[in-house]
Amino acid sequence: MEFKQPSLKELLAQRQTLQQQVTAARQREAELVLAEIVRKMREYQISLADLMGREHESQEVTTTPVPKYRDLQSGATWSGRGRAPHWIVDKNRDDFLVRA
């Protein structure tokens, strides 16, 4: 008995069919999980704030960091956090300090 390998066209059609089945199964399962989560939240009286964590409610809105350095030529500023801008790299940072 001879084994006939499927053609590329047949394999692509099978892949598309399987992908559609995977997508549909994922959607069905996600809906079931979401319904279970909502049911448990109602059962235990869990709010969205509880779910996100209690500290989330009391967190203050984050503000933009205060500039610590200023380039006098361009007026650009840098808080000293993260990667240093090109105008301060390899230079004495004290020369760029913002004076209050």
Protein backbone atom coordinates (compact mmCIF):
# COMPACT_ATOMS: atom_id res chain seq x y z
CA MET A 1 0.00 0.00 0.00
CA GLU A 2 1.38 3.33 -1.05
CA PHE A 3 1.24 6.46 1.12
CA LYS A 4 0.26 9.59 -0.78
CA GLN A 5 1.58 12.81 0.72
CA PRO A 6 -0.92 15.69 0.70
CA SER A 7 -0.19 18.59 -1.62
CA LEU A 8 0.76 22.03 -0.39
CA LYS A 9 -2.72 23.30 -1.29
CA GLU A 10 -4.34 20.54 0.78
CA LEU A 11 -2.04 21.20 3.73
CA LEU A 12 -2.75 24.94 3.64
CA ALA A 13 -6.50 24.25 3.57
CA GLN A 14 -6.12 21.91 6.56
CA ARG A 15 -4.09 24.53 8.41
CA GLN A 16 -6.74 27.19 7.76
CA THR A 17 -9.49 24.88 9.00
CA LEU A 18 -7.50 24.01 12.12
CA GLN A 19 -6.74 27.68 12.78
CA GLN A 20 -10.44 28.50 12.59
CA GLN A 21 -11.20 25.67 15.02
CA VAL A 22 -8.48 26.87 17.42
CA THR A 23 -9.83 30.44 17.31
CA ALA A 24 -13.39 29.27 17.97
CA ALA A 25 -12.30 26.99 20.84
CA ARG A 26 -10.21 29.76 22.41
CA GLN A 27 -13.18 32.17 22.23
CA ARG A 28 -15.56 29.61 23.80
CA GLU A 29 -13.16 28.83 26.62
CA ALA A 30 -12.43 32.51 27.28
CA GLU A 31 -16.16 33.20 27.57
CA LEU A 32 -16.55 30.33 30.05
CA VAL A 33 -13.60 31.51 32.13
CA LEU A 34 -14.88 35.09 32.14
CA ALA A 35 -18.34 33.95 33.24
CA GLU A 36 -16.76 31.94 36.06
CA ILE A 37 -14.68 34.92 37.17
CA VAL A 38 -17.74 37.20 37.22
CA ARG A 39 -19.71 34.56 39.15
CA LYS A 40 -16.95 34.23 41.76
CA MET A 41 -16.59 38.00 42.08
CA ARG A 42 -20.32 38.31 42.76
CA GLU A 43 -20.32 35.35 45.13
CA TYR A 44 -17.48 36.77 47.22
CA GLN A 45 -18.44 40.43 46.66
CA ILE A 46 -15.13 41.29 45.03
CA SER A 47 -15.02 44.67 43.30
CA LEU A 48 -12.77 45.68 40.43
CA ALA A 49 -10.80 47.80 42.90
CA ASP A 50 -10.29 44.70 45.07
CA LEU A 51 -9.18 42.78 42.03
CA MET A 52 -6.63 45.45 41.10
CA GLY A 53 -5.33 45.61 44.66
CA ARG A 54 -6.28 47.92 47.49
CA GLU A 55 -3.18 50.07 47.16
CA HIS A 56 -4.38 50.93 43.65
CA GLU A 57 -7.26 52.94 45.15
CA SER A 58 -5.00 55.08 47.30
CA GLN A 59 -2.24 55.68 44.77
CA GLU A 60 -1.74 59.28 43.82
CA VAL A 61 -1.57 60.27 40.21
CA THR A 62 2.04 60.11 39.12
CA THR A 63 3.55 63.37 38.01
CA THR A 64 6.28 64.20 35.59
CA PRO A 65 9.67 64.12 37.33
CA VAL A 66 11.18 67.51 38.18
CA PRO A 67 14.06 68.41 35.86
CA LYS A 68 17.43 68.14 37.57
CA TYR A 69 19.59 69.09 34.58
CA ARG A 70 19.10 71.66 31.80
CA ASP A 71 20.98 72.22 28.55
CA LEU A 72 21.39 76.00 28.36
CA GLN A 73 21.83 75.98 24.59
CA SER A 74 18.71 74.02 23.65
CA GLY A 75 16.66 74.40 26.84
CA ALA A 76 16.18 70.62 27.01
CA THR A 77 15.84 69.13 30.47
CA TRP A 78 16.51 65.76 32.07
CA SER A 79 15.35 64.45 35.45
CA GLY A 80 18.42 62.29 35.95
CA ARG A 81 16.36 59.13 35.44
CA GLY A 82 16.84 56.73 32.60
CA ARG A 83 19.32 57.03 29.80
CA ALA A 84 21.28 60.27 29.71
CA PRO A 85 20.55 62.57 26.75
CA HIS A 86 23.28 63.18 24.20
CA TRP A 87 23.91 66.75 25.37
CA ILE A 88 25.12 65.60 28.81
CA VAL A 89 26.94 62.37 27.96
CA ASP A 90 30.66 62.47 28.83
CA LYS A 91 30.34 65.96 30.37
CA ASN A 92 30.43 67.23 33.95
CA ARG A 93 26.81 67.01 35.09
CA ASP A 94 27.35 69.69 37.73
CA ASP A 95 27.60 72.21 34.88
CA PHE A 96 24.01 71.35 33.90
CA LEU A 97 22.35 71.34 37.34
CA VAL A 98 19.14 73.32 37.58
CA ARG A 99 19.55 75.97 40.25
CA ALA A 100 16.46 76.61 42.35
